[in-house]
């Protein structure tokens, strides 16, 4: 969404610039230097290129300023804060938690996400986890990333819990600590809740124990020294616009909606999925790859649909008569030219053709990736019901082109007061929400299993 452009720059330059302002100098040089760290919550190389919430926010800010984004990537938070304080970068977009000790060194921008601190451990640990902070002693081997904000939080808590102890682990990222807990190399770690939510899909043996009650805020960090605040003030304007337009909510949904949506972590299903990636997927992966290449799609996306539909079981059949790996109805199979629904290749090809045909009927004004989520919902519940709920969403004052809004109202199709107002009537509206959520999760896990996310890309300089 290009909500800033010339208007944004005009307002900022009018109120925040002077002959030697940082903003004017940045615009003249044409480059925005931003420190970040590598990880699923910040910046990473995904299957479609650069990704991560912090990356997307920084890239949008650079685009609105009309400059090139230059990322300085490292996993050492102390280095990031030093780079900011010493003006080596313009600011840091690194999922930084606001703490009082940090506020004495850097200036934080607007808060854009809330998190908590969670103690994680392996579910088959030999020792019972502590149930309260007072029980956390040296015997529990609590680990934190060296230089992290968890140290500030624990130091503050130590006043009330003098027996609280921990070990600072140098030269690791939060994901490294999570992996070490999963592999039983360490007993406990204190991790940001958003990091835990992202990583538990890939390490389902993790469990969450104590959750610290205090909410923490994430924000960009700017240099505190110097009188010029032009870039800092521009960031406030940027986030205010994101908040008012609903774009910030949409971005957070894109990265976290399919993780937080379902209550409680479904350990059994996620663990089963990991097992079936090894046991069942190899039987059909070549078919998914072949069909995906025919239609210009990611084979892991098709595989995620197939798993959601049948758990990769070619003999699957429902009480309503849908069957096969992609669980096609008889009429859909005939329409898509599938002669044998039990044949895995024919089923994958037929299901893919049906998805592509469905997506073509989704309005083009709906941007990606939301257009894909709408297509999946229509694949599951029918295009007519999706059209109904989009109209209902608009009537209720929300945006019918945003999945984050529409998914809130899909469950209303189970309630007479709402579905009686629609053309196509009753539908099990919770099912397409769950359908889309699960496919997004399965896809992420398949991408990780395929080795496309956690490649070693640390302490590098990346330019966009």
Protein backbone atom coordinates (compact mmCIF):
# COMPACT_ATOMS: atom_id res chain seq x y z
CA UNK A 1 0.00 0.00 0.00
CA UNK A 2 1.55 3.28 -1.11
CA UNK A 3 0.00 5.52 1.53
CA UNK A 4 2.97 7.82 1.87
CA UNK A 5 4.86 8.63 -1.30
CA UNK A 6 5.12 12.31 -2.15
CA UNK A 7 2.58 13.38 0.49
CA UNK A 8 4.50 11.59 3.24
CA UNK A 9 7.82 13.11 2.22
CA UNK A 10 6.29 16.54 1.84
CA UNK A 11 4.84 16.52 5.34
CA UNK A 12 8.04 15.21 6.89
CA UNK A 13 10.37 17.58 5.09
CA UNK A 14 8.10 20.50 5.94
CA UNK A 15 8.10 19.89 9.69
CA UNK A 16 11.22 17.87 10.44
CA UNK A 17 13.97 19.04 8.13
CA UNK A 18 16.68 21.65 8.30
CA UNK A 19 19.79 22.39 6.29
CA UNK A 20 21.74 19.60 7.98
CA UNK A 21 18.92 17.19 8.93
CA UNK A 22 19.60 13.48 8.94
CA UNK A 23 16.50 12.85 6.85
CA UNK A 24 17.57 15.22 4.09
CA UNK A 25 21.07 13.74 4.10
CA UNK A 26 19.61 10.22 3.90
CA UNK A 27 17.35 11.17 0.99
CA UNK A 28 20.28 12.74 -0.82
CA UNK A 29 22.48 9.67 -0.35
CA UNK A 30 19.63 7.35 -1.28
CA UNK A 31 20.39 4.63 1.27
CA UNK A 32 18.84 3.62 4.60
CA UNK A 33 21.17 1.54 6.78
CA UNK A 34 19.27 -0.70 9.17
CA UNK A 35 20.65 -3.21 11.68
CA UNK A 36 18.70 -6.42 12.13
CA UNK A 37 19.21 -10.00 13.20
CA UNK A 38 18.60 -13.26 11.43
CA UNK A 39 15.53 -15.23 12.52
CA UNK A 40 11.93 -16.10 11.74
CA UNK A 41 10.60 -13.16 13.75
CA UNK A 42 12.93 -10.61 12.14
CA UNK A 43 14.65 -11.32 8.81
CA UNK A 44 15.40 -14.51 6.88
CA UNK A 45 15.71 -15.85 3.36
CA UNK A 46 12.44 -17.64 2.67
CA UNK A 47 11.31 -19.66 -0.35
CA UNK A 48 10.30 -16.47 -2.15
CA UNK A 49 13.26 -14.33 -1.12
CA UNK A 50 13.77 -11.96 1.81
CA UNK A 51 11.10 -12.22 4.49
CA UNK A 52 10.32 -11.56 8.16
CA UNK A 53 8.19 -8.96 9.92
CA UNK A 54 11.09 -6.63 10.70
CA UNK A 55 12.35 -6.85 7.14
CA UNK A 56 8.92 -6.06 5.69
CA UNK A 57 8.46 -3.07 7.98
CA UNK A 58 11.93 -1.68 7.22
CA UNK A 59 11.49 -2.27 3.49
CA UNK A 60 8.16 -0.43 3.47
CA UNK A 61 9.70 2.47 5.35
CA UNK A 62 12.59 2.68 2.88
CA UNK A 63 10.19 2.47 -0.06
CA UNK A 64 8.06 5.28 1.30
CA UNK A 65 11.16 7.42 1.75
CA UNK A 66 12.21 6.52 -1.78
CA UNK A 67 15.60 5.12 -0.78
CA UNK A 68 17.40 1.78 -0.95
CA UNK A 69 17.34 -0.49 2.11
CA UNK A 70 20.77 -1.66 3.24
CA UNK A 71 20.58 -4.35 5.93
CA UNK A 72 23.41 -5.00 8.36
CA UNK A 73 22.66 -8.44 9.72
CA UNK A 74 24.09 -9.98 12.88
CA UNK A 75 22.78 -12.11 15.72
CA UNK A 76 24.61 -10.24 18.47
CA UNK A 77 22.12 -7.84 20.05
CA UNK A 78 24.89 -5.98 21.90
CA UNK A 79 26.54 -5.31 18.53
CA UNK A 80 23.24 -4.08 17.13
CA UNK A 81 22.72 -1.64 20.00
CA UNK A 82 26.33 -0.44 19.68
CA UNK A 83 25.86 0.13 15.94
CA UNK A 84 22.81 2.27 16.69
CA UNK A 85 24.34 4.23 19.56
CA UNK A 86 27.51 4.96 17.55
CA UNK A 87 25.55 6.01 14.42
CA UNK A 88 26.97 3.18 12.29
CA UNK A 89 23.38 2.53 11.17
CA UNK A 90 20.35 4.79 11.01
CA UNK A 91 18.34 2.54 13.31
CA UNK A 92 17.74 -1.09 14.28
CA UNK A 93 14.70 -3.14 13.27
CA UNK A 94 15.59 -6.32 15.10
CA UNK A 95 12.68 -7.33 17.30
CA UNK A 96 14.18 -5.36 20.18
CA UNK A 97 12.38 -5.37 23.51
CA UNK A 98 12.08 -2.03 25.28
CA UNK A 99 13.84 -2.11 28.67
CA UNK A 100 14.97 0.67 30.99
CA UNK A 101 18.70 -0.08 30.66
CA UNK A 102 18.38 0.01 26.87
CA UNK A 103 16.44 3.26 26.96
CA UNK A 104 19.49 4.95 28.46
CA UNK A 105 21.51 4.01 25.35
CA UNK A 106 19.01 4.26 22.47
CA UNK A 107 15.75 6.00 21.65
CA UNK A 108 12.85 3.63 20.97
CA UNK A 109 10.19 4.36 18.38
CA UNK A 110 6.50 3.43 18.60
CA UNK A 111 5.60 0.03 20.05
CA UNK A 112 4.24 -2.28 17.38
CA UNK A 113 4.02 -5.70 19.02
CA UNK A 114 3.51 -7.12 22.51
CA UNK A 115 5.23 -10.26 23.80
CA UNK A 116 5.88 -12.08 27.05
CA UNK A 117 8.80 -14.15 28.33
CA UNK A 118 8.34 -17.93 28.40
CA UNK A 119 10.40 -20.63 30.02
CA UNK A 120 10.73 -23.60 27.64
CA UNK A 121 11.82 -27.17 28.35
CA UNK A 122 11.68 -30.61 26.74
CA UNK A 123 8.42 -32.43 27.36
CA UNK A 124 10.24 -35.63 28.35
CA UNK A 125 12.55 -33.88 30.83
CA UNK A 126 13.50 -36.12 33.76
CA UNK A 127 12.88 -33.34 36.24
CA UNK A 128 9.58 -31.57 36.91
CA UNK A 129 9.72 -27.96 35.65
CA UNK A 130 9.45 -25.10 38.12
CA UNK A 131 5.89 -23.89 38.55
CA UNK A 132 6.76 -20.43 39.85
CA UNK A 133 9.65 -17.99 39.82
CA UNK A 134 10.52 -18.69 43.45
CA UNK A 135 11.48 -22.24 42.45
CA UNK A 136 13.99 -21.15 39.80
CA UNK A 137 17.42 -21.77 41.31
CA UNK A 138 20.86 -22.76 40.09
CA UNK A 139 19.68 -26.37 39.88
CA UNK A 140 17.30 -25.56 37.05
CA UNK A 141 20.04 -24.41 34.66
CA UNK A 142 18.09 -21.51 33.15
CA UNK A 143 19.81 -20.27 29.97
CA UNK A 144 19.49 -16.91 28.23
CA UNK A 145 21.20 -15.34 25.24
CA UNK A 146 24.18 -13.24 26.32
CA UNK A 147 23.45 -9.52 25.92
CA UNK A 148 19.71 -10.12 25.56
CA UNK A 149 16.89 -8.17 27.16
CA UNK A 150 16.04 -11.25 29.25
CA UNK A 151 19.04 -10.34 31.41
CA UNK A 152 17.57 -6.91 32.15
CA UNK A 153 14.24 -8.53 33.02
CA UNK A 154 15.84 -11.16 35.26
CA UNK A 155 18.02 -8.59 37.02
CA UNK A 156 14.88 -6.61 37.86
CA UNK A 157 13.15 -9.76 39.14
CA UNK A 158 16.12 -10.76 41.27
CA UNK A 159 15.21 -8.06 43.78
CA UNK A 160 12.08 -10.04 44.66
CA UNK A 161 13.55 -13.48 43.95
CA UNK A 162 17.12 -13.40 45.30
CA UNK A 163 17.72 -17.10 44.53
CA UNK A 164 17.00 -16.52 40.83
CA UNK A 165 20.04 -17.56 38.78
CA UNK A 166 20.78 -18.05 35.10
CA UNK A 167 23.55 -18.70 32.60
CA UNK A 168 24.32 -16.28 29.77
CA UNK A 169 25.16 -18.19 26.59
CA UNK A 170 27.38 -16.22 24.17
CA UNK A 171 27.34 -16.24 20.37
CA UNK A 172 23.91 -17.84 19.95
CA UNK A 173 20.55 -16.74 18.61
CA UNK A 174 17.25 -17.46 20.40
CA UNK A 175 16.56 -20.19 17.84
CA UNK A 176 19.86 -21.85 18.82
CA UNK A 177 18.78 -22.01 22.47
CA UNK A 178 15.41 -23.43 21.46
CA UNK A 179 17.14 -26.10 19.39
CA UNK A 180 19.46 -26.98 22.28
CA UNK A 181 16.48 -27.44 24.59
CA UNK A 182 14.78 -29.61 21.96
CA UNK A 183 17.92 -31.74 21.68
CA UNK A 184 18.21 -31.96 25.50
CA UNK A 185 21.61 -30.26 25.47
CA UNK A 186 20.32 -27.70 27.98
CA UNK A 187 17.46 -27.98 30.44
CA UNK A 188 15.65 -24.62 30.32
CA UNK A 189 15.72 -21.38 28.33
CA UNK A 190 13.88 -18.07 28.67
CA UNK A 191 12.64 -16.99 25.23
CA UNK A 192 10.31 -14.33 23.75
CA UNK A 193 6.80 -15.69 23.25
CA UNK A 194 6.78 -14.82 19.54
CA UNK A 195 10.03 -16.75 19.06
CA UNK A 196 8.55 -19.73 20.92
CA UNK A 197 5.40 -19.67 18.81
CA UNK A 198 7.43 -19.70 15.60
CA UNK A 199 9.86 -22.42 16.70
CA UNK A 200 7.47 -24.92 18.33
CA UNK A 201 6.14 -25.89 14.91
CA UNK A 202 9.62 -27.13 14.04
CA UNK A 203 10.50 -28.51 17.47
CA UNK A 204 7.22 -29.97 18.78
CA UNK A 205 8.90 -31.56 21.82
CA UNK A 206 9.16 -28.12 23.40
CA UNK A 207 6.81 -27.24 26.23
CA UNK A 208 6.11 -23.87 27.83
CA UNK A 209 6.39 -23.71 31.60
CA UNK A 210 6.40 -20.43 33.49
CA UNK A 211 5.25 -17.37 31.56
CA UNK A 212 6.32 -14.09 33.11
CA UNK A 213 3.23 -11.91 33.69
CA UNK A 214 4.66 -8.61 32.45
CA UNK A 215 3.97 -7.60 28.85
CA UNK A 216 7.01 -6.46 26.89
CA UNK A 217 6.98 -4.19 23.85
CA UNK A 218 8.96 -4.39 20.62
CA UNK A 219 10.14 -1.22 18.88
CA UNK A 220 12.77 0.13 16.50
CA UNK A 221 15.85 1.63 18.16
CA UNK A 222 17.34 4.99 17.10
CA UNK A 223 20.45 6.82 18.31
CA UNK A 224 19.85 8.83 21.46
CA UNK A 225 22.74 11.23 21.02
CA UNK A 226 22.46 14.25 18.74
CA UNK A 227 19.74 16.86 18.39
CA UNK A 228 18.41 15.80 14.99
CA UNK A 229 15.22 13.76 15.32
CA UNK A 230 13.98 13.98 11.73
CA UNK A 231 14.27 10.26 10.92
CA UNK A 232 12.90 9.25 14.32
CA UNK A 233 9.89 11.52 13.83
CA UNK A 234 9.42 10.16 10.31
CA UNK A 235 9.20 6.65 11.80
CA UNK A 236 6.47 7.81 14.18
CA UNK A 237 4.49 9.15 11.23
CA UNK A 238 5.09 5.87 9.39
CA UNK A 239 3.78 3.68 12.22
CA UNK A 240 0.83 5.98 12.86
CA UNK A 241 -0.19 5.54 9.21
CA UNK A 242 0.30 1.76 9.40
CA UNK A 243 -1.85 1.62 12.51
CA UNK A 244 -4.66 3.80 11.13
CA UNK A 245 -4.83 1.99 7.81
CA UNK A 246 -4.95 -1.47 9.41
CA UNK A 247 -1.81 -2.44 7.51
CA UNK A 248 0.13 -3.16 10.71
CA UNK A 249 -2.52 -5.62 11.86
CA UNK A 250 -2.45 -7.26 8.44
CA UNK A 251 1.34 -7.62 8.49
CA UNK A 252 1.30 -9.19 11.94
CA UNK A 253 -1.45 -11.58 10.81
CA UNK A 254 0.66 -12.57 7.82
CA UNK A 255 3.49 -13.64 10.09
CA UNK A 256 1.65 -14.84 13.18
CA UNK A 257 -2.04 -15.35 12.37
CA UNK A 258 -1.66 -19.03 11.51
CA UNK A 259 0.45 -19.60 14.63
CA UNK A 260 -1.67 -17.93 17.31
CA UNK A 261 -5.08 -18.69 15.83
CA UNK A 262 -5.82 -22.07 17.37
CA UNK A 263 -5.98 -22.33 21.16
CA UNK A 264 -3.25 -24.46 22.71
CA UNK A 265 -0.39 -26.10 20.84
CA UNK A 266 -1.53 -29.25 19.04
CA UNK A 267 1.46 -31.41 19.91
CA UNK A 268 0.07 -34.71 18.69
CA UNK A 269 -0.92 -33.47 15.24
CA UNK A 270 2.31 -31.53 14.68
CA UNK A 271 4.45 -34.44 15.82
CA UNK A 272 2.47 -36.80 13.57
CA UNK A 273 2.97 -34.42 10.66
CA UNK A 274 6.75 -34.43 11.20
CA UNK A 275 6.73 -38.23 11.25
CA UNK A 276 4.67 -38.48 8.08
CA UNK A 277 7.01 -36.11 6.25
CA UNK A 278 9.54 -38.93 6.57
CA UNK A 279 7.22 -41.89 6.15
CA UNK A 280 4.54 -40.87 3.62
CA UNK A 281 5.65 -37.78 1.76
CA UNK A 282 8.49 -39.54 -0.15
CA UNK A 283 5.84 -41.74 -1.81
CA UNK A 284 4.17 -38.70 -3.42
CA UNK A 285 6.72 -35.88 -3.42
CA UNK A 286 7.65 -36.44 -7.08
CA UNK A 287 3.99 -36.18 -8.05
CA UNK A 288 3.60 -32.91 -6.12
CA UNK A 289 6.74 -31.53 -7.75
CA UNK A 290 5.63 -32.51 -11.26
CA UNK A 291 2.15 -31.02 -10.92
CA UNK A 292 3.45 -27.89 -9.19
CA UNK A 293 5.84 -27.28 -12.09
CA UNK A 294 2.93 -27.60 -14.55
CA UNK A 295 0.95 -24.87 -12.78
CA UNK A 296 3.78 -22.64 -11.56
CA UNK A 297 3.15 -23.36 -7.89
CA UNK A 298 5.31 -24.37 -4.93
CA UNK A 299 5.10 -28.15 -4.55
CA UNK A 300 5.21 -27.78 -0.75
CA UNK A 301 2.04 -25.71 -0.91
CA UNK A 302 0.26 -28.50 -2.81
CA UNK A 303 1.66 -31.05 -0.38
CA UNK A 304 0.28 -28.99 2.53
CA UNK A 305 -3.19 -29.02 0.94
CA UNK A 306 -2.90 -32.77 0.37
CA UNK A 307 -1.97 -33.41 3.98
CA UNK A 308 -4.79 -31.27 5.31
CA UNK A 309 -7.23 -33.12 3.09
CA UNK A 310 -6.18 -36.76 3.54
CA UNK A 311 -3.04 -36.94 5.69
CA UNK A 312 -1.39 -38.16 2.45
CA UNK A 313 -3.59 -41.26 2.42
CA UNK A 314 -4.70 -42.30 -1.07
CA UNK A 315 -7.41 -44.55 0.41
CA UNK A 316 -8.98 -41.77 2.47
CA UNK A 317 -12.75 -41.45 2.14
CA UNK A 318 -15.27 -39.30 4.00
CA UNK A 319 -18.87 -40.09 4.97
CA UNK A 320 -20.02 -37.69 2.24
CA UNK A 321 -18.17 -39.59 -0.47
CA UNK A 322 -15.13 -37.40 -1.14
CA UNK A 323 -12.05 -39.54 -1.52
CA UNK A 324 -8.42 -39.82 -2.47
CA UNK A 325 -5.28 -37.93 -1.60
CA UNK A 326 -6.86 -34.54 -2.39
CA UNK A 327 -10.34 -35.63 -1.25
CA UNK A 328 -12.23 -34.78 -4.42
CA UNK A 329 -15.99 -35.09 -4.82
CA UNK A 330 -17.19 -37.18 -7.74
CA UNK A 331 -18.49 -34.10 -9.55
CA UNK A 332 -15.26 -32.15 -9.04
CA UNK A 333 -13.22 -35.13 -10.23
CA UNK A 334 -15.28 -35.40 -13.40
CA UNK A 335 -15.06 -31.64 -14.00
CA UNK A 336 -11.27 -31.73 -13.62
CA UNK A 337 -10.87 -34.83 -15.82
CA UNK A 338 -9.94 -37.23 -13.03
CA UNK A 339 -10.96 -40.78 -13.91
CA UNK A 340 -9.66 -42.50 -10.79
CA UNK A 341 -9.81 -40.51 -7.55
CA UNK A 342 -7.71 -43.15 -5.77
CA UNK A 343 -4.80 -42.62 -8.16
CA UNK A 344 -2.43 -40.21 -6.32
CA UNK A 345 -1.12 -38.43 -9.41
CA UNK A 346 -4.58 -37.92 -10.88
CA UNK A 347 -5.88 -36.74 -7.51
CA UNK A 348 -3.05 -34.21 -7.07
CA UNK A 349 -3.51 -32.96 -10.61
CA UNK A 350 -7.28 -32.67 -10.22
CA UNK A 351 -7.05 -30.91 -6.86
CA UNK A 352 -4.49 -28.48 -8.21
CA UNK A 353 -6.57 -27.68 -11.28
CA UNK A 354 -9.55 -27.04 -9.04
CA UNK A 355 -7.55 -24.73 -6.74
CA UNK A 356 -6.14 -22.77 -9.69
CA UNK A 357 -9.61 -22.44 -11.24
CA UNK A 358 -11.01 -21.28 -7.89
CA UNK A 359 -8.26 -18.72 -7.41
CA UNK A 360 -8.93 -17.22 -10.83
CA UNK A 361 -12.42 -16.37 -9.60
CA UNK A 362 -11.14 -14.48 -6.55
CA UNK A 363 -11.19 -10.71 -7.25
CA UNK A 364 -7.84 -9.45 -8.47
CA UNK A 365 -8.01 -6.38 -6.22
CA UNK A 366 -7.31 -8.67 -3.26
CA UNK A 367 -3.51 -8.61 -2.83
CA UNK A 368 -1.28 -11.56 -2.11
CA UNK A 369 -0.95 -13.50 0.06
CA UNK A 370 -4.56 -12.83 1.09
CA UNK A 371 -5.81 -13.80 -2.36
CA UNK A 372 -4.36 -17.27 -1.82
CA UNK A 373 -6.01 -17.54 1.61
CA UNK A 374 -9.37 -16.56 0.08
CA UNK A 375 -8.88 -19.17 -2.65
CA UNK A 376 -8.15 -21.85 -0.05
CA UNK A 377 -11.23 -20.88 1.92
CA UNK A 378 -13.34 -21.11 -1.24
CA UNK A 379 -11.70 -24.45 -2.09
CA UNK A 380 -12.92 -25.70 1.28
CA UNK A 381 -16.33 -24.13 1.80
CA UNK A 382 -17.32 -22.95 -1.67
CA UNK A 383 -16.94 -19.66 -3.50
CA UNK A 384 -20.54 -18.63 -2.81
CA UNK A 385 -20.06 -18.71 0.96
CA UNK A 386 -16.83 -16.72 0.65
CA UNK A 387 -18.68 -14.08 -1.36
CA UNK A 388 -21.40 -14.03 1.29
CA UNK A 389 -18.99 -13.47 4.13
CA UNK A 390 -17.09 -10.77 2.23
CA UNK A 391 -20.37 -8.85 1.88
CA UNK A 392 -21.09 -9.45 5.55
CA UNK A 393 -17.60 -8.23 6.47
CA UNK A 394 -18.17 -5.01 4.56
CA UNK A 395 -21.58 -4.50 6.18
CA UNK A 396 -19.95 -4.80 9.59
CA UNK A 397 -17.41 -2.09 8.78
CA UNK A 398 -14.38 -4.27 8.08
CA UNK A 399 -12.35 -4.72 4.91
CA UNK A 400 -13.70 -7.51 2.65
CA UNK A 401 -10.35 -7.72 0.84
CA UNK A 402 -8.35 -8.59 3.94
CA UNK A 403 -8.18 -12.13 5.27
CA UNK A 404 -7.50 -10.85 8.79
CA UNK A 405 -10.98 -9.25 8.73
CA UNK A 406 -12.92 -11.86 6.77
CA UNK A 407 -11.75 -14.80 8.86
CA UNK A 408 -13.25 -13.12 11.95
CA UNK A 409 -16.69 -13.24 10.35
CA UNK A 410 -16.65 -16.65 8.63
CA UNK A 411 -17.87 -18.42 11.82
CA UNK A 412 -21.00 -16.24 11.70
CA UNK A 413 -22.24 -18.44 8.84
CA UNK A 414 -23.23 -20.97 11.51
CA UNK A 415 -25.59 -18.51 13.19
CA UNK A 416 -29.15 -17.95 11.85
CA UNK A 417 -29.13 -14.23 12.57
CA UNK A 418 -26.26 -13.90 10.09
CA UNK A 419 -26.62 -16.66 7.51
CA UNK A 420 -30.27 -15.76 6.96
CA UNK A 421 -29.00 -12.48 5.51
CA UNK A 422 -26.83 -14.25 2.93
CA UNK A 423 -27.55 -15.70 -0.49
CA UNK A 424 -26.05 -19.15 0.11
CA UNK A 425 -27.11 -19.57 3.72
CA UNK A 426 -25.63 -21.82 6.37
CA UNK A 427 -22.04 -23.04 6.27
CA UNK A 428 -19.64 -24.49 8.82
CA UNK A 429 -17.69 -21.25 8.85
CA UNK A 430 -15.10 -22.38 11.40
CA UNK A 431 -13.84 -25.05 8.98
CA UNK A 432 -12.34 -22.80 6.27
CA UNK A 433 -10.57 -20.74 8.94
CA UNK A 434 -9.04 -23.89 10.38
CA UNK A 435 -8.36 -25.22 6.86
CA UNK A 436 -6.36 -22.15 5.84
CA UNK A 437 -4.55 -21.96 9.19
CA UNK A 438 -3.42 -25.58 9.05
CA UNK A 439 -2.23 -25.37 5.46
CA UNK A 440 -0.17 -22.28 6.26
CA UNK A 441 1.42 -24.13 9.20
CA UNK A 442 2.08 -27.29 7.24
CA UNK A 443 3.63 -25.28 4.42
CA UNK A 444 6.00 -23.49 6.81
CA UNK A 445 7.11 -26.80 8.31
CA UNK A 446 7.67 -28.31 4.86
CA UNK A 447 9.78 -25.32 3.84
CA UNK A 448 11.87 -25.71 6.98
CA UNK A 449 12.19 -29.47 6.44
CA UNK A 450 13.34 -28.78 2.90
CA UNK A 451 16.20 -26.71 4.31
CA UNK A 452 15.16 -23.37 2.78
CA UNK A 453 14.92 -21.23 5.92
CA UNK A 454 17.61 -22.06 8.45
CA UNK A 455 20.65 -21.66 6.24
CA UNK A 456 23.64 -19.96 7.85
CA UNK A 457 23.31 -16.30 6.90
CA UNK A 458 24.63 -14.56 9.96
CA UNK A 459 26.98 -11.63 10.32
CA UNK A 460 26.54 -10.60 6.71
CA UNK A 461 25.63 -7.44 4.89
CA UNK A 462 22.61 -7.64 2.68
CA UNK A 463 21.40 -4.96 0.34
CA UNK A 464 17.94 -4.57 -1.15
